[in-house]
Amino acid sequence: MGVCPVILSDQYVFPEGPEWEKFALIIPEKEVSKLGTILRKEEHRYQELGKIARQNWEQFFDPDVIFKYWADGLVQLIE
């Protein structure tokens, strides 16, 4: 969709592959009361972050490549 993910969590385990810190806003749970302020502060970057998010989705999770992503993950589990 080309939108910046907002992840409100202290312990979220990110799927391997994408460089999440380059396009996602990762906010600690204790800052939930500041969420509006944080989002307004980052609003000027929404198009840039959305574009990078979309590129990562296409590289790792698009229906044309997701099977390879899963297969590579399974191979890593076996090794």
N, C-alpha and C. Protein backbone atom coordinates (compact mmCIF):
# COMPACT_ATOMS: atom_id res chain seq x y z
N MET A 1 0.81 -1.19 0.00
CA MET A 1 0.00 0.00 0.00
C MET A 1 0.85 1.26 0.00
N GLY A 2 2.11 1.13 0.36
CA GLY A 2 2.98 2.29 0.36
C GLY A 2 2.76 3.21 1.55
N VAL A 3 2.47 2.63 2.69
CA VAL A 3 2.31 3.45 3.90
C VAL A 3 3.36 3.03 4.93
N CYS A 4 3.69 3.97 5.77
CA CYS A 4 4.68 3.74 6.83
C CYS A 4 4.04 2.94 7.96
N PRO A 5 4.59 1.77 8.28
CA PRO A 5 4.06 1.03 9.42
C PRO A 5 4.37 1.75 10.73
N VAL A 6 3.41 1.75 11.63
CA VAL A 6 3.61 2.28 12.97
C VAL A 6 3.48 1.08 13.91
N ILE A 7 4.56 0.76 14.60
CA ILE A 7 4.60 -0.42 15.45
C ILE A 7 4.75 0.05 16.88
N LEU A 8 3.72 -0.21 17.66
CA LEU A 8 3.69 0.19 19.06
C LEU A 8 3.90 -1.06 19.89
N SER A 9 5.16 -1.32 20.23
CA SER A 9 5.49 -2.56 20.93
C SER A 9 6.89 -2.49 21.51
N ASP A 10 7.07 -3.22 22.58
CA ASP A 10 8.40 -3.35 23.19
C ASP A 10 9.07 -4.66 22.79
N GLN A 11 8.27 -5.63 22.38
CA GLN A 11 8.83 -6.96 22.16
C GLN A 11 8.46 -7.57 20.82
N TYR A 12 8.05 -6.76 19.88
CA TYR A 12 7.67 -7.30 18.57
C TYR A 12 8.88 -7.94 17.91
N VAL A 13 8.68 -9.12 17.36
CA VAL A 13 9.73 -9.83 16.64
C VAL A 13 9.49 -9.60 15.15
N PHE A 14 10.37 -8.85 14.54
CA PHE A 14 10.21 -8.48 13.14
C PHE A 14 10.59 -9.65 12.22
N PRO A 15 9.83 -9.85 11.16
CA PRO A 15 10.24 -10.84 10.17
C PRO A 15 11.60 -10.45 9.58
N GLU A 16 12.44 -11.42 9.37
CA GLU A 16 13.76 -11.15 8.82
C GLU A 16 13.65 -10.67 7.38
N GLY A 17 14.64 -9.93 6.98
CA GLY A 17 14.72 -9.46 5.60
C GLY A 17 14.70 -7.94 5.52
N PRO A 18 13.51 -7.36 5.64
CA PRO A 18 13.43 -5.90 5.53
C PRO A 18 14.24 -5.19 6.62
N GLU A 19 14.74 -4.02 6.28
CA GLU A 19 15.42 -3.19 7.27
C GLU A 19 14.37 -2.26 7.87
N TRP A 20 13.62 -2.79 8.83
CA TRP A 20 12.45 -2.14 9.39
C TRP A 20 12.72 -0.73 9.90
N GLU A 21 13.89 -0.53 10.47
CA GLU A 21 14.20 0.78 11.05
C GLU A 21 14.32 1.88 10.00
N LYS A 22 14.43 1.50 8.73
CA LYS A 22 14.55 2.49 7.66
C LYS A 22 13.20 3.03 7.19
N PHE A 23 12.10 2.33 7.52
CA PHE A 23 10.81 2.78 7.01
C PHE A 23 9.65 2.69 8.00
N ALA A 24 9.87 2.07 9.14
CA ALA A 24 8.79 1.92 10.12
C ALA A 24 9.03 2.83 11.32
N LEU A 25 7.96 3.32 11.88
CA LEU A 25 8.06 4.06 13.13
C LEU A 25 7.85 3.04 14.25
N ILE A 26 8.89 2.81 15.02
CA ILE A 26 8.85 1.83 16.09
C ILE A 26 8.80 2.60 17.40
N ILE A 27 7.69 2.48 18.09
CA ILE A 27 7.43 3.30 19.27
C ILE A 27 7.26 2.40 20.49
N PRO A 28 8.02 2.67 21.54
CA PRO A 28 7.86 1.87 22.76
C PRO A 28 6.46 2.03 23.36
N GLU A 29 5.97 0.97 23.99
CA GLU A 29 4.63 0.99 24.57
C GLU A 29 4.46 2.11 25.59
N LYS A 30 5.50 2.42 26.33
CA LYS A 30 5.38 3.46 27.36
C LYS A 30 5.12 4.84 26.77
N GLU A 31 5.31 4.99 25.45
CA GLU A 31 5.09 6.28 24.80
C GLU A 31 3.75 6.37 24.08
N VAL A 32 2.83 5.45 24.40
CA VAL A 32 1.53 5.45 23.74
C VAL A 32 0.80 6.78 23.94
N SER A 33 0.96 7.40 25.08
CA SER A 33 0.28 8.68 25.32
C SER A 33 0.85 9.80 24.45
N LYS A 34 2.03 9.60 23.90
CA LYS A 34 2.68 10.60 23.03
C LYS A 34 2.52 10.27 21.56
N LEU A 35 1.72 9.26 21.24
CA LEU A 35 1.62 8.77 19.87
C LEU A 35 1.24 9.88 18.88
N GLY A 36 0.25 10.67 19.20
CA GLY A 36 -0.17 11.75 18.31
C GLY A 36 0.95 12.73 18.05
N THR A 37 1.67 13.11 19.08
CA THR A 37 2.79 14.05 18.95
C THR A 37 3.90 13.45 18.09
N ILE A 38 4.21 12.19 18.32
CA ILE A 38 5.26 11.52 17.55
C ILE A 38 4.87 11.45 16.07
N LEU A 39 3.63 11.09 15.78
CA LEU A 39 3.20 10.98 14.39
C LEU A 39 3.20 12.34 13.70
N ARG A 40 2.78 13.38 14.40
CA ARG A 40 2.82 14.73 13.80
C ARG A 40 4.25 15.15 13.52
N LYS A 41 5.16 14.80 14.41
CA LYS A 41 6.57 15.16 14.23
C LYS A 41 7.17 14.48 13.00
N GLU A 42 6.71 13.27 12.70
CA GLU A 42 7.24 12.49 11.58
C GLU A 42 6.41 12.64 10.31
N GLU A 43 5.34 13.39 10.36
CA GLU A 43 4.41 13.50 9.24
C GLU A 43 5.09 13.93 7.94
N HIS A 44 6.08 14.79 8.03
CA HIS A 44 6.76 15.28 6.83
C HIS A 44 7.49 14.18 6.07
N ARG A 45 7.71 13.04 6.71
CA ARG A 45 8.43 11.93 6.10
C ARG A 45 7.53 10.82 5.57
N TYR A 46 6.21 11.02 5.66
CA TYR A 46 5.31 9.90 5.37
C TYR A 46 5.46 9.36 3.94
N GLN A 47 5.67 10.24 2.96
CA GLN A 47 5.80 9.75 1.58
C GLN A 47 7.10 8.97 1.40
N GLU A 48 8.18 9.50 1.94
CA GLU A 48 9.48 8.82 1.85
C GLU A 48 9.43 7.45 2.52
N LEU A 49 8.91 7.40 3.75
CA LEU A 49 8.83 6.13 4.48
C LEU A 49 7.88 5.16 3.80
N GLY A 50 6.79 5.67 3.28
CA GLY A 50 5.84 4.82 2.56
C GLY A 50 6.45 4.21 1.31
N LYS A 51 7.24 4.99 0.61
CA LYS A 51 7.90 4.49 -0.60
C LYS A 51 8.88 3.37 -0.26
N ILE A 52 9.66 3.57 0.79
CA ILE A 52 10.63 2.55 1.20
C ILE A 52 9.90 1.31 1.71
N ALA A 53 8.80 1.51 2.43
CA ALA A 53 8.00 0.38 2.91
C ALA A 53 7.48 -0.44 1.74
N ARG A 54 6.98 0.23 0.73
CA ARG A 54 6.46 -0.46 -0.46
C ARG A 54 7.56 -1.26 -1.15
N GLN A 55 8.75 -0.66 -1.29
CA GLN A 55 9.87 -1.36 -1.92
C GLN A 55 10.23 -2.62 -1.15
N ASN A 56 10.23 -2.53 0.18
CA ASN A 56 10.55 -3.70 1.00
C ASN A 56 9.46 -4.77 0.88
N TRP A 57 8.20 -4.34 0.85
CA TRP A 57 7.11 -5.30 0.68
C TRP A 57 7.27 -6.04 -0.64
N GLU A 58 7.56 -5.29 -1.71
CA GLU A 58 7.73 -5.92 -3.02
C GLU A 58 8.91 -6.88 -3.03
N GLN A 59 9.97 -6.56 -2.33
CA GLN A 59 11.16 -7.40 -2.32
C GLN A 59 10.97 -8.67 -1.50
N PHE A 60 10.20 -8.59 -0.41
CA PHE A 60 10.12 -9.73 0.50
C PHE A 60 8.74 -10.40 0.59
N PHE A 61 7.65 -9.66 0.37
CA PHE A 61 6.33 -10.20 0.67
C PHE A 61 5.33 -10.19 -0.49
N ASP A 62 5.69 -9.65 -1.61
CA ASP A 62 4.81 -9.64 -2.78
C ASP A 62 4.46 -11.09 -3.14
N PRO A 63 3.23 -11.33 -3.61
CA PRO A 63 2.86 -12.70 -3.97
C PRO A 63 3.83 -13.39 -4.93
N ASP A 64 4.53 -12.63 -5.76
CA ASP A 64 5.47 -13.24 -6.71
C ASP A 64 6.76 -13.72 -6.05
N VAL A 65 7.06 -13.26 -4.83
CA VAL A 65 8.32 -13.63 -4.19
C VAL A 65 8.14 -14.27 -2.81
N ILE A 66 6.94 -14.27 -2.28
CA ILE A 66 6.73 -14.73 -0.90
C ILE A 66 7.08 -16.22 -0.73
N PHE A 67 6.85 -17.04 -1.75
CA PHE A 67 7.18 -18.46 -1.62
C PHE A 67 8.67 -18.64 -1.39
N LYS A 68 9.49 -17.91 -2.14
CA LYS A 68 10.94 -18.00 -1.96
C LYS A 68 11.33 -17.51 -0.56
N TYR A 69 10.69 -16.45 -0.09
CA TYR A 69 10.96 -15.92 1.25
C TYR A 69 10.68 -17.00 2.30
N TRP A 70 9.53 -17.66 2.19
CA TRP A 70 9.18 -18.72 3.13
C TRP A 70 10.14 -19.90 3.01
N ALA A 71 10.44 -20.29 1.78
CA ALA A 71 11.32 -21.43 1.57
C ALA A 71 12.71 -21.17 2.14
N ASP A 72 13.23 -19.96 1.92
CA ASP A 72 14.54 -19.61 2.49
C ASP A 72 14.50 -19.67 4.01
N GLY A 73 13.41 -19.22 4.60
CA GLY A 73 13.27 -19.28 6.05
C GLY A 73 13.24 -20.69 6.57
N LEU A 74 12.55 -21.57 5.86
CA LEU A 74 12.50 -22.98 6.26
C LEU A 74 13.88 -23.64 6.16
N VAL A 75 14.60 -23.32 5.12
CA VAL A 75 15.95 -23.86 4.95
C VAL A 75 16.83 -23.42 6.13
N GLN A 76 16.71 -22.18 6.53
CA GLN A 76 17.49 -21.70 7.68
C GLN A 76 17.14 -22.44 8.95
N LEU A 77 15.87 -22.79 9.14
CA LEU A 77 15.49 -23.55 10.31
C LEU A 77 16.09 -24.94 10.33
N ILE A 78 16.22 -25.53 9.15
CA ILE A 78 16.75 -26.90 9.04
C ILE A 78 18.25 -26.92 9.27
N GLU A 79 18.93 -25.89 8.82
CA GLU A 79 20.40 -25.88 8.92
C GLU A 79 20.87 -25.74 10.30
